[in-house]
Amino acid sequence: MSDTVVVQEVSGKKDRHDFITLPWRLYRDDPNWVPPLFQDMHNTLDPRKNALLRLGPYRFFLARRNGVTVGRLGVGMDLRLNQSKGENLSYITLFESVNDYAV
């Protein structure tokens, strides 16, 4: 197997589950970590329940190495804000990864 990091868009229930649960795996041994409510994370990724996702295009991505999820990232645009400011900006959200620059 290769140690190459593969980045792919979240697609389907397994990817969605991997995206949501990555922080639990990364921080499970950190006594200071307070996990979000699992259902709240599901709602965060659902445009029917998260108004920000209805304001423009968005995508969620997973980074995997040897089939193991090692990172996640969400990106999007708030088209209404961009129009009002005369800008063309994007945002990054929900970034988490193992401590590895390659990821």
PDB file of N, CA and C in Angstrom:
ATOM      1  N   MET A   1       0.825  -1.191   0.000  1.00  0.00           N
ATOM      2  CA  MET A   1       0.000   0.000   0.000  1.00  0.00           C
ATOM      3  C   MET A   1       0.866   1.250   0.000  1.00  0.00           C
ATOM      4  N   SER A   2       0.288   2.295  -0.513  1.00  0.00           N
ATOM      5  CA  SER A   2       0.982   3.565  -0.606  1.00  0.00           C
ATOM      6  C   SER A   2       0.653   4.437   0.598  1.00  0.00           C
ATOM      7  N   ASP A   3       1.570   5.313   0.941  1.00  0.00           N
ATOM      8  CA  ASP A   3       1.313   6.281   2.002  1.00  0.00           C
ATOM      9  C   ASP A   3       0.766   7.585   1.441  1.00  0.00           C
ATOM     10  N   THR A   4       0.348   7.557   0.193  1.00  0.00           N
ATOM     11  CA  THR A   4      -0.200   8.735  -0.461  1.00  0.00           C
ATOM     12  C   THR A   4      -1.508   9.145   0.199  1.00  0.00           C
ATOM     13  N   VAL A   5      -1.681  10.443   0.377  1.00  0.00           N
ATOM     14  CA  VAL A   5      -2.934  10.979   0.902  1.00  0.00           C
ATOM     15  C   VAL A   5      -3.858  11.235  -0.280  1.00  0.00           C
ATOM     16  N   VAL A   6      -5.050  10.666  -0.211  1.00  0.00           N
ATOM     17  CA  VAL A   6      -6.055  10.829  -1.260  1.00  0.00           C
ATOM     18  C   VAL A   6      -7.170  11.704  -0.709  1.00  0.00           C
ATOM     19  N   VAL A   7      -7.497  12.773  -1.436  1.00  0.00           N
ATOM     20  CA  VAL A   7      -8.577  13.675  -1.038  1.00  0.00           C
ATOM     21  C   VAL A   7      -9.757  13.435  -1.955  1.00  0.00           C
ATOM     22  N   GLN A   8     -10.935  13.268  -1.341  1.00  0.00           N
ATOM     23  CA  GLN A   8     -12.134  13.042  -2.143  1.00  0.00           C
ATOM     24  C   GLN A   8     -13.311  13.742  -1.493  1.00  0.00           C
ATOM     25  N   GLU A   9     -14.273  14.091  -2.324  1.00  0.00           N
ATOM     26  CA  GLU A   9     -15.481  14.738  -1.830  1.00  0.00           C
ATOM     27  C   GLU A   9     -16.332  13.735  -1.060  1.00  0.00           C
ATOM     28  N   VAL A  10     -16.955  14.203   0.010  1.00  0.00           N
ATOM     29  CA  VAL A  10     -17.854  13.355   0.795  1.00  0.00           C
ATOM     30  C   VAL A  10     -19.029  12.949  -0.082  1.00  0.00           C
ATOM     31  N   SER A  11     -19.261  11.646  -0.137  1.00  0.00           N
ATOM     32  CA  SER A  11     -20.327  11.108  -0.973  1.00  0.00           C
ATOM     33  C   SER A  11     -20.890   9.871  -0.288  1.00  0.00           C
ATOM     34  N   GLY A  12     -22.107   9.946   0.144  1.00  0.00           N
ATOM     35  CA  GLY A  12     -22.740   8.786   0.752  1.00  0.00           C
ATOM     36  C   GLY A  12     -22.635   8.754   2.265  1.00  0.00           C
ATOM     37  N   LYS A  13     -23.355   7.799   2.843  1.00  0.00           N
ATOM     38  CA  LYS A  13     -23.476   7.708   4.300  1.00  0.00           C
ATOM     39  C   LYS A  13     -22.165   7.374   4.999  1.00  0.00           C
ATOM     40  N   LYS A  14     -21.370   6.471   4.416  1.00  0.00           N
ATOM     41  CA  LYS A  14     -20.110   6.108   5.068  1.00  0.00           C
ATOM     42  C   LYS A  14     -19.167   7.308   5.124  1.00  0.00           C
ATOM     43  N   ASP A  15     -19.036   8.025   4.015  1.00  0.00           N
ATOM     44  CA  ASP A  15     -18.183   9.214   4.006  1.00  0.00           C
ATOM     45  C   ASP A  15     -18.686  10.243   5.015  1.00  0.00           C
ATOM     46  N   ARG A  16     -19.988  10.454   5.042  1.00  0.00           N
ATOM     47  CA  ARG A  16     -20.578  11.416   5.974  1.00  0.00           C
ATOM     48  C   ARG A  16     -20.261  11.005   7.424  1.00  0.00           C
ATOM     49  N   HIS A  17     -20.405   9.720   7.712  1.00  0.00           N
ATOM     50  CA  HIS A  17     -20.101   9.206   9.052  1.00  0.00           C
ATOM     51  C   HIS A  17     -18.617   9.413   9.377  1.00  0.00           C
ATOM     52  N   ASP A  18     -17.737   9.110   8.430  1.00  0.00           N
ATOM     53  CA  ASP A  18     -16.299   9.301   8.639  1.00  0.00           C
ATOM     54  C   ASP A  18     -15.975  10.774   8.881  1.00  0.00           C
ATOM     55  N   PHE A  19     -16.643  11.666   8.130  1.00  0.00           N
ATOM     56  CA  PHE A  19     -16.427  13.106   8.284  1.00  0.00           C
ATOM     57  C   PHE A  19     -16.811  13.549   9.694  1.00  0.00           C
ATOM     58  N   ILE A  20     -17.965  13.099  10.139  1.00  0.00           N
ATOM     59  CA  ILE A  20     -18.472  13.513  11.448  1.00  0.00           C
ATOM     60  C   ILE A  20     -17.647  12.931  12.587  1.00  0.00           C
ATOM     61  N   THR A  21     -17.249  11.684  12.481  1.00  0.00           N
ATOM     62  CA  THR A  21     -16.614  11.008  13.620  1.00  0.00           C
ATOM     63  C   THR A  21     -15.098  11.189  13.712  1.00  0.00           C
ATOM     64  N   LEU A  22     -14.472  11.788  12.719  1.00  0.00           N
ATOM     65  CA  LEU A  22     -13.015  11.961  12.777  1.00  0.00           C
ATOM     66  C   LEU A  22     -12.548  12.636  14.070  1.00  0.00           C
ATOM     67  N   PRO A  23     -13.155  13.727  14.515  1.00  0.00           N
ATOM     68  CA  PRO A  23     -12.668  14.346  15.758  1.00  0.00           C
ATOM     69  C   PRO A  23     -12.726  13.413  16.969  1.00  0.00           C
ATOM     70  N   TRP A  24     -13.704  12.537  17.018  1.00  0.00           N
ATOM     71  CA  TRP A  24     -13.781  11.591  18.135  1.00  0.00           C
ATOM     72  C   TRP A  24     -12.530  10.703  18.161  1.00  0.00           C
ATOM     73  N   ARG A  25     -12.065  10.319  16.980  1.00  0.00           N
ATOM     74  CA  ARG A  25     -10.869   9.482  16.904  1.00  0.00           C
ATOM     75  C   ARG A  25      -9.610  10.295  17.207  1.00  0.00           C
ATOM     76  N   LEU A  26      -9.563  11.535  16.691  1.00  0.00           N
ATOM     77  CA  LEU A  26      -8.367  12.360  16.884  1.00  0.00           C
ATOM     78  C   LEU A  26      -8.170  12.779  18.336  1.00  0.00           C
ATOM     79  N   TYR A  27      -9.249  13.089  19.015  1.00  0.00           N
ATOM     80  CA  TYR A  27      -9.144  13.713  20.337  1.00  0.00           C
ATOM     81  C   TYR A  27      -9.604  12.825  21.488  1.00  0.00           C
ATOM     82  N   ARG A  28      -9.856  11.574  21.232  1.00  0.00           N
ATOM     83  CA  ARG A  28     -10.421  10.700  22.273  1.00  0.00           C
ATOM     84  C   ARG A  28      -9.566  10.619  23.535  1.00  0.00           C
ATOM     85  N   ASP A  29      -8.259  10.811  23.406  1.00  0.00           N
ATOM     86  CA  ASP A  29      -7.383  10.736  24.579  1.00  0.00           C
ATOM     87  C   ASP A  29      -7.086  12.102  25.200  1.00  0.00           C
ATOM     88  N   ASP A  30      -7.691  13.149  24.664  1.00  0.00           N
ATOM     89  CA  ASP A  30      -7.472  14.497  25.190  1.00  0.00           C
ATOM     90  C   ASP A  30      -8.502  14.775  26.285  1.00  0.00           C
ATOM     91  N   PRO A  31      -8.067  14.897  27.535  1.00  0.00           N
ATOM     92  CA  PRO A  31      -9.024  15.101  28.625  1.00  0.00           C
ATOM     93  C   PRO A  31      -9.737  16.451  28.551  1.00  0.00           C
ATOM     94  N   ASN A  32      -9.224  17.375  27.748  1.00  0.00           N
ATOM     95  CA  ASN A  32      -9.839  18.698  27.623  1.00  0.00           C
ATOM     96  C   ASN A  32     -10.841  18.792  26.479  1.00  0.00           C
ATOM     97  N   TRP A  33     -10.919  17.755  25.662  1.00  0.00           N
ATOM     98  CA  TRP A  33     -11.823  17.805  24.507  1.00  0.00           C
ATOM     99  C   TRP A  33     -13.259  17.584  24.943  1.00  0.00           C
ATOM    100  N   VAL A  34     -14.114  18.473  24.503  1.00  0.00           N
ATOM    101  CA  VAL A  34     -15.549  18.338  24.752  1.00  0.00           C
ATOM    102  C   VAL A  34     -16.200  18.121  23.392  1.00  0.00           C
ATOM    103  N   PRO A  35     -16.679  16.926  23.124  1.00  0.00           N
ATOM    104  CA  PRO A  35     -17.231  16.644  21.798  1.00  0.00           C
ATOM    105  C   PRO A  35     -18.559  17.351  21.575  1.00  0.00           C
ATOM    106  N   PRO A  36     -18.824  17.716  20.320  1.00  0.00           N
ATOM    107  CA  PRO A  36     -20.141  18.267  20.009  1.00  0.00           C
ATOM    108  C   PRO A  36     -21.178  17.152  20.080  1.00  0.00           C
ATOM    109  N   LEU A  37     -22.426  17.536  20.145  1.00  0.00           N
ATOM    110  CA  LEU A  37     -23.487  16.539  20.079  1.00  0.00           C
ATOM    111  C   LEU A  37     -23.494  15.935  18.685  1.00  0.00           C
ATOM    112  N   PHE A  38     -23.563  14.624  18.623  1.00  0.00           N
ATOM    113  CA  PHE A  38     -23.490  13.917  17.341  1.00  0.00           C
ATOM    114  C   PHE A  38     -24.574  14.406  16.385  1.00  0.00           C
ATOM    115  N   GLN A  39     -25.801  14.561  16.871  1.00  0.00           N
ATOM    116  CA  GLN A  39     -26.898  15.013  16.012  1.00  0.00           C
ATOM    117  C   GLN A  39     -26.668  16.439  15.520  1.00  0.00           C
ATOM    118  N   ASP A  40     -26.051  17.280  16.334  1.00  0.00           N
ATOM    119  CA  ASP A  40     -25.733  18.639  15.897  1.00  0.00           C
ATOM    120  C   ASP A  40     -24.780  18.617  14.706  1.00  0.00           C
ATOM    121  N   MET A  41     -23.824  17.699  14.712  1.00  0.00           N
ATOM    122  CA  MET A  41     -22.906  17.598  13.573  1.00  0.00           C
ATOM    123  C   MET A  41     -23.646  17.148  12.320  1.00  0.00           C
ATOM    124  N   HIS A  42     -24.567  16.207  12.462  1.00  0.00           N
ATOM    125  CA  HIS A  42     -25.389  15.807  11.313  1.00  0.00           C
ATOM    126  C   HIS A  42     -26.149  17.011  10.773  1.00  0.00           C
ATOM    127  N   ASN A  43     -26.732  17.790  11.653  1.00  0.00           N
ATOM    128  CA  ASN A  43     -27.500  18.962  11.233  1.00  0.00           C
ATOM    129  C   ASN A  43     -26.618  20.010  10.570  1.00  0.00           C
ATOM    130  N   THR A  44     -25.388  20.148  11.029  1.00  0.00           N
ATOM    131  CA  THR A  44     -24.450  21.108  10.443  1.00  0.00           C
ATOM    132  C   THR A  44     -24.183  20.799   8.972  1.00  0.00           C
ATOM    133  N   LEU A  45     -24.205  19.529   8.606  1.00  0.00           N
ATOM    134  CA  LEU A  45     -23.921  19.123   7.225  1.00  0.00           C
ATOM    135  C   LEU A  45     -25.174  19.050   6.359  1.00  0.00           C
ATOM    136  N   ASP A  46     -26.320  19.383   6.909  1.00  0.00           N
ATOM    137  CA  ASP A  46     -27.597  19.263   6.206  1.00  0.00           C
ATOM    138  C   ASP A  46     -28.106  20.645   5.811  1.00  0.00           C
ATOM    139  N   PRO A  47     -28.169  20.954   4.511  1.00  0.00           N
ATOM    140  CA  PRO A  47     -28.619  22.284   4.097  1.00  0.00           C
ATOM    141  C   PRO A  47     -30.061  22.596   4.505  1.00  0.00           C
ATOM    142  N   ARG A  48     -30.854  21.585   4.784  1.00  0.00           N
ATOM    143  CA  ARG A  48     -32.222  21.843   5.261  1.00  0.00           C
ATOM    144  C   ARG A  48     -32.217  22.368   6.689  1.00  0.00           C
ATOM    145  N   LYS A  49     -31.126  22.109   7.418  1.00  0.00           N
ATOM    146  CA  LYS A  49     -31.052  22.510   8.821  1.00  0.00           C
ATOM    147  C   LYS A  49     -29.952  23.526   9.105  1.00  0.00           C
ATOM    148  N   ASN A  50     -29.135  23.838   8.123  1.00  0.00           N
ATOM    149  CA  ASN A  50     -28.039  24.788   8.280  1.00  0.00           C
ATOM    150  C   ASN A  50     -28.194  25.885   7.232  1.00  0.00           C
ATOM    151  N   ALA A  51     -28.649  27.048   7.666  1.00  0.00           N
ATOM    152  CA  ALA A  51     -28.942  28.152   6.745  1.00  0.00           C
ATOM    153  C   ALA A  51     -27.712  28.590   5.948  1.00  0.00           C
ATOM    154  N   LEU A  52     -26.525  28.515   6.531  1.00  0.00           N
ATOM    155  CA  LEU A  52     -25.316  28.930   5.814  1.00  0.00           C
ATOM    156  C   LEU A  52     -25.136  28.140   4.523  1.00  0.00           C
ATOM    157  N   LEU A  53     -25.467  26.870   4.545  1.00  0.00           N
ATOM    158  CA  LEU A  53     -25.293  26.033   3.356  1.00  0.00           C
ATOM    159  C   LEU A  53     -26.278  26.387   2.248  1.00  0.00           C
ATOM    160  N   ARG A  54     -27.313  27.121   2.582  1.00  0.00           N
ATOM    161  CA  ARG A  54     -28.282  27.545   1.564  1.00  0.00           C
ATOM    162  C   ARG A  54     -27.890  28.866   0.904  1.00  0.00           C
ATOM    163  N   LEU A  55     -26.808  29.497   1.372  1.00  0.00           N
ATOM    164  CA  LEU A  55     -26.413  30.803   0.857  1.00  0.00           C
ATOM    165  C   LEU A  55     -25.445  30.730  -0.314  1.00  0.00           C
ATOM    166  N   GLY A  56     -25.045  29.541  -0.701  1.00  0.00           N
ATOM    167  CA  GLY A  56     -24.127  29.412  -1.820  1.00  0.00           C
ATOM    168  C   GLY A  56     -23.577  28.007  -1.906  1.00  0.00           C
ATOM    169  N   PRO A  57     -22.704  27.783  -2.872  1.00  0.00           N
ATOM    170  CA  PRO A  57     -22.148  26.435  -3.057  1.00  0.00           C
ATOM    171  C   PRO A  57     -21.232  26.048  -1.896  1.00  0.00           C
ATOM    172  N   TYR A  58     -21.190  24.763  -1.619  1.00  0.00           N
ATOM    173  CA  TYR A  58     -20.341  24.233  -0.557  1.00  0.00           C
ATOM    174  C   TYR A  58     -19.957  22.805  -0.913  1.00  0.00           C
ATOM    175  N   ARG A  59     -18.871  22.337  -0.347  1.00  0.00           N
ATOM    176  CA  ARG A  59     -18.423  20.952  -0.513  1.00  0.00           C
ATOM    177  C   ARG A  59     -17.698  20.529   0.757  1.00  0.00           C
ATOM    178  N   PHE A  60     -17.772  19.233   1.041  1.00  0.00           N
ATOM    179  CA  PHE A  60     -17.047  18.652   2.162  1.00  0.00           C
ATOM    180  C   PHE A  60     -16.099  17.597   1.605  1.00  0.00           C
ATOM    181  N   PHE A  61     -14.878  17.556   2.155  1.00  0.00           N
ATOM    182  CA  PHE A  61     -13.851  16.648   1.654  1.00  0.00           C
ATOM    183  C   PHE A  61     -13.239  15.834   2.789  1.00  0.00           C
ATOM    184  N   LEU A  62     -12.793  14.636   2.433  1.00  0.00           N
ATOM    185  CA  LEU A  62     -12.056  13.756   3.341  1.00  0.00           C
ATOM    186  C   LEU A  62     -10.669  13.509   2.774  1.00  0.00           C
ATOM    187  N   ALA A  63      -9.690  13.425   3.650  1.00  0.00           N
ATOM    188  CA  ALA A  63      -8.345  12.990   3.266  1.00  0.00           C
ATOM    189  C   ALA A  63      -8.154  11.605   3.874  1.00  0.00           C
ATOM    190  N   ARG A  64      -7.693  10.681   3.042  1.00  0.00           N
ATOM    191  CA  ARG A  64      -7.471   9.310   3.518  1.00  0.00           C
ATOM    192  C   ARG A  64      -6.075   8.847   3.123  1.00  0.00           C
ATOM    193  N   ARG A  65      -5.513   8.049   4.013  1.00  0.00           N
ATOM    194  CA  ARG A  65      -4.226   7.405   3.739  1.00  0.00           C
ATOM    195  C   ARG A  65      -4.420   5.921   4.032  1.00  0.00           C
ATOM    196  N   ASN A  66      -4.129   5.114   3.034  1.00  0.00           N
ATOM    197  CA  ASN A  66      -4.305   3.661   3.173  1.00  0.00           C
ATOM    198  C   ASN A  66      -5.716   3.306   3.633  1.00  0.00           C
ATOM    199  N   GLY A  67      -6.694   4.065   3.150  1.00  0.00           N
ATOM    200  CA  GLY A  67      -8.090   3.795   3.473  1.00  0.00           C
ATOM    201  C   GLY A  67      -8.559   4.327   4.809  1.00  0.00           C
ATOM    202  N   VAL A  68      -7.665   4.939   5.580  1.00  0.00           N
ATOM    203  CA  VAL A  68      -8.016   5.473   6.896  1.00  0.00           C
ATOM    204  C   VAL A  68      -8.204   6.984   6.777  1.00  0.00           C
ATOM    205  N   THR A  69      -9.310   7.490   7.300  1.00  0.00           N
ATOM    206  CA  THR A  69      -9.564   8.928   7.262  1.00  0.00           C
ATOM    207  C   THR A  69      -8.581   9.638   8.182  1.00  0.00           C
ATOM    208  N   VAL A  70      -7.836  10.601   7.614  1.00  0.00           N
ATOM    209  CA  VAL A  70      -6.814  11.323   8.372  1.00  0.00           C
ATOM    210  C   VAL A  70      -7.046  12.832   8.370  1.00  0.00           C
ATOM    211  N   GLY A  71      -8.076  13.282   7.664  1.00  0.00           N
ATOM    212  CA  GLY A  71      -8.372  14.705   7.642  1.00  0.00           C
ATOM    213  C   GLY A  71      -9.739  14.976   7.055  1.00  0.00           C
ATOM    214  N   ARG A  72     -10.232  16.178   7.327  1.00  0.00           N
ATOM    215  CA  ARG A  72     -11.517  16.600   6.773  1.00  0.00           C
ATOM    216  C   ARG A  72     -11.500  18.109   6.600  1.00  0.00           C
ATOM    217  N   LEU A  73     -12.390  18.594   5.733  1.00  0.00           N
ATOM    218  CA  LEU A  73     -12.438  20.019   5.437  1.00  0.00           C
ATOM    219  C   LEU A  73     -13.747  20.333   4.744  1.00  0.00           C
ATOM    220  N   GLY A  74     -14.348  21.449   5.103  1.00  0.00           N
ATOM    221  CA  GLY A  74     -15.497  21.967   4.383  1.00  0.00           C
ATOM    222  C   GLY A  74     -15.126  23.295   3.753  1.00  0.00           C
ATOM    223  N   VAL A  75     -15.633  23.554   2.567  1.00  0.00           N
ATOM    224  CA  VAL A  75     -15.414  24.836   1.890  1.00  0.00           C
ATOM    225  C   VAL A  75     -16.741  25.319   1.332  1.00  0.00           C
ATOM    226  N   GLY A  76     -16.901  26.618   1.251  1.00  0.00           N
ATOM    227  CA  GLY A  76     -18.142  27.149   0.711  1.00  0.00           C
ATOM    228  C   GLY A  76     -18.024  28.625   0.392  1.00  0.00           C
ATOM    229  N   MET A  77     -19.123  29.153  -0.134  1.00  0.00           N
ATOM    230  CA  MET A  77     -19.220  30.574  -0.457  1.00  0.00           C
ATOM    231  C   MET A  77     -20.569  31.089   0.020  1.00  0.00           C
ATOM    232  N   ASP A  78     -20.567  32.289   0.571  1.00  0.00           N
ATOM    233  CA  ASP A  78     -21.794  32.990   0.915  1.00  0.00           C
ATOM    234  C   ASP A  78     -22.021  34.004  -0.201  1.00  0.00           C
ATOM    235  N   LEU A  79     -22.832  33.636  -1.184  1.00  0.00           N
ATOM    236  CA  LEU A  79     -23.022  34.479  -2.364  1.00  0.00           C
ATOM    237  C   LEU A  79     -23.658  35.818  -2.016  1.00  0.00           C
ATOM    238  N   ARG A  80     -24.558  35.817  -1.055  1.00  0.00           N
ATOM    239  CA  ARG A  80     -25.218  37.067  -0.653  1.00  0.00           C
ATOM    240  C   ARG A  80     -24.197  38.031  -0.055  1.00  0.00           C
ATOM    241  N   LEU A  81     -23.318  37.540   0.803  1.00  0.00           N
ATOM    242  CA  LEU A  81     -22.276  38.383   1.388  1.00  0.00           C
ATOM    243  C   LEU A  81     -21.333  38.893   0.304  1.00  0.00           C
ATOM    244  N   ASN A  82     -20.923  38.013  -0.596  1.00  0.00           N
ATOM    245  CA  ASN A  82     -20.027  38.431  -1.678  1.00  0.00           C
ATOM    246  C   ASN A  82     -20.657  39.524  -2.527  1.00  0.00           C
ATOM    247  N   GLN A  83     -21.930  39.378  -2.830  1.00  0.00           N
ATOM    248  CA  GLN A  83     -22.615  40.383  -3.643  1.00  0.00           C
ATOM    249  C   GLN A  83     -22.678  41.716  -2.899  1.00  0.00           C
ATOM    250  N   SER A  84     -23.012  41.681  -1.623  1.00  0.00           N
ATOM    251  CA  SER A  84     -23.143  42.930  -0.864  1.00  0.00           C
ATOM    252  C   SER A  84     -21.798  43.624  -0.662  1.00  0.00           C
ATOM    253  N   LYS A  85     -20.711  42.870  -0.610  1.00  0.00           N
ATOM    254  CA  LYS A  85     -19.377  43.440  -0.392  1.00  0.00           C
ATOM    255  C   LYS A  85     -18.599  43.650  -1.692  1.00  0.00           C
ATOM    256  N   GLY A  86     -19.148  43.172  -2.806  1.00  0.00           N
ATOM    257  CA  GLY A  86     -18.422  43.275  -4.062  1.00  0.00           C
ATOM    258  C   GLY A  86     -17.162  42.424  -4.065  1.00  0.00           C
ATOM    259  N   GLU A  87     -17.214  41.301  -3.384  1.00  0.00           N
ATOM    260  CA  GLU A  87     -16.063  40.411  -3.246  1.00  0.00           C
ATOM    261  C   GLU A  87     -16.364  39.054  -3.868  1.00  0.00           C
ATOM    262  N   ASN A  88     -15.342  38.222  -3.925  1.00  0.00           N
ATOM    263  CA  ASN A  88     -15.490  36.842  -4.378  1.00  0.00           C
ATOM    264  C   ASN A  88     -14.690  35.963  -3.413  1.00  0.00           C
ATOM    265  N   LEU A  89     -15.220  35.843  -2.198  1.00  0.00           N
ATOM    266  CA  LEU A  89     -14.514  35.155  -1.123  1.00  0.00           C
ATOM    267  C   LEU A  89     -15.143  33.805  -0.834  1.00  0.00           C
ATOM    268  N   SER A  90     -14.355  32.934  -0.254  1.00  0.00           N
ATOM    269  CA  SER A  90     -14.821  31.618   0.183  1.00  0.00           C
ATOM    270  C   SER A  90     -14.470  31.451   1.652  1.00  0.00           C
ATOM    271  N   TYR A  91     -14.996  30.399   2.257  1.00  0.00           N
ATOM    272  CA  TYR A  91     -14.649  30.097   3.638  1.00  0.00           C
ATOM    273  C   TYR A  91     -14.233  28.637   3.762  1.00  0.00           C
ATOM    274  N   ILE A  92     -13.441  28.375   4.779  1.00  0.00           N
ATOM    275  CA  ILE A  92     -13.028  27.018   5.141  1.00  0.00           C
ATOM    276  C   ILE A  92     -13.599  26.751   6.525  1.00  0.00           C
ATOM    277  N   THR A  93     -14.125  25.560   6.717  1.00  0.00           N
ATOM    278  CA  THR A  93     -14.743  25.224   7.992  1.00  0.00           C
ATOM    279  C   THR A  93     -14.507  23.757   8.332  1.00  0.00           C
ATOM    280  N   LEU A  94     -14.676  23.430   9.582  1.00  0.00           N
ATOM    281  CA  LEU A  94     -14.624  22.051  10.066  1.00  0.00           C
ATOM    282  C   LEU A  94     -13.314  21.336   9.708  1.00  0.00           C
ATOM    283  N   PHE A  95     -12.211  22.092   9.674  1.00  0.00           N
ATOM    284  CA  PHE A  95     -10.917  21.486   9.376  1.00  0.00           C
ATOM    285  C   PHE A  95     -10.411  20.716  10.585  1.00  0.00           C
ATOM    286  N   GLU A  96     -10.063  19.487  10.363  1.00  0.00           N
ATOM    287  CA  GLU A  96      -9.429  18.637  11.375  1.00  0.00           C
ATOM    288  C   GLU A  96      -8.483  17.702  10.631  1.00  0.00           C
ATOM    289  N   SER A  97      -7.337  17.411  11.237  1.00  0.00           N
ATOM    290  CA  SER A  97      -6.451  16.421  10.626  1.00  0.00           C
ATOM    291  C   SER A  97      -5.492  15.859  11.663  1.00  0.00           C
ATOM    292  N   VAL A  98      -4.914  14.728  11.306  1.00  0.00           N
ATOM    293  CA  VAL A  98      -3.821  14.208  12.112  1.00  0.00           C
ATOM    294  C   VAL A  98      -2.680  15.206  12.019  1.00  0.00           C
ATOM    295  N   ASN A  99      -1.731  15.123  12.922  1.00  0.00           N
ATOM    296  CA  ASN A  99      -0.612  16.050  12.949  1.00  0.00           C
ATOM    297  C   ASN A  99       0.432  15.622  11.918  1.00  0.00           C
ATOM    298  N   ASP A 100       0.145  15.948  10.664  1.00  0.00           N
ATOM    299  CA  ASP A 100       1.011  15.540   9.559  1.00  0.00           C
ATOM    300  C   ASP A 100       0.861  16.559   8.438  1.00  0.00           C
ATOM    301  N   TYR A 101       1.939  17.255   8.123  1.00  0.00           N
ATOM    302  CA  TYR A 101       1.909  18.304   7.110  1.00  0.00           C
ATOM    303  C   TYR A 101       1.395  17.795   5.764  1.00  0.00           C
ATOM    304  N   ALA A 102       1.657  16.555   5.425  1.00  0.00           N
ATOM    305  CA  ALA A 102       1.218  15.998   4.139  1.00  0.00           C
ATOM    306  C   ALA A 102      -0.301  15.988   4.017  1.00  0.00           C
ATOM    307  N   VAL A 103      -0.969  15.865   5.135  1.00  0.00           N
ATOM    308  CA  VAL A 103      -2.432  15.852   5.131  1.00  0.00           C
ATOM    309  C   VAL A 103      -2.935  17.262   4.944  1.00  0.00           C
TER     310      VAL A 103
END
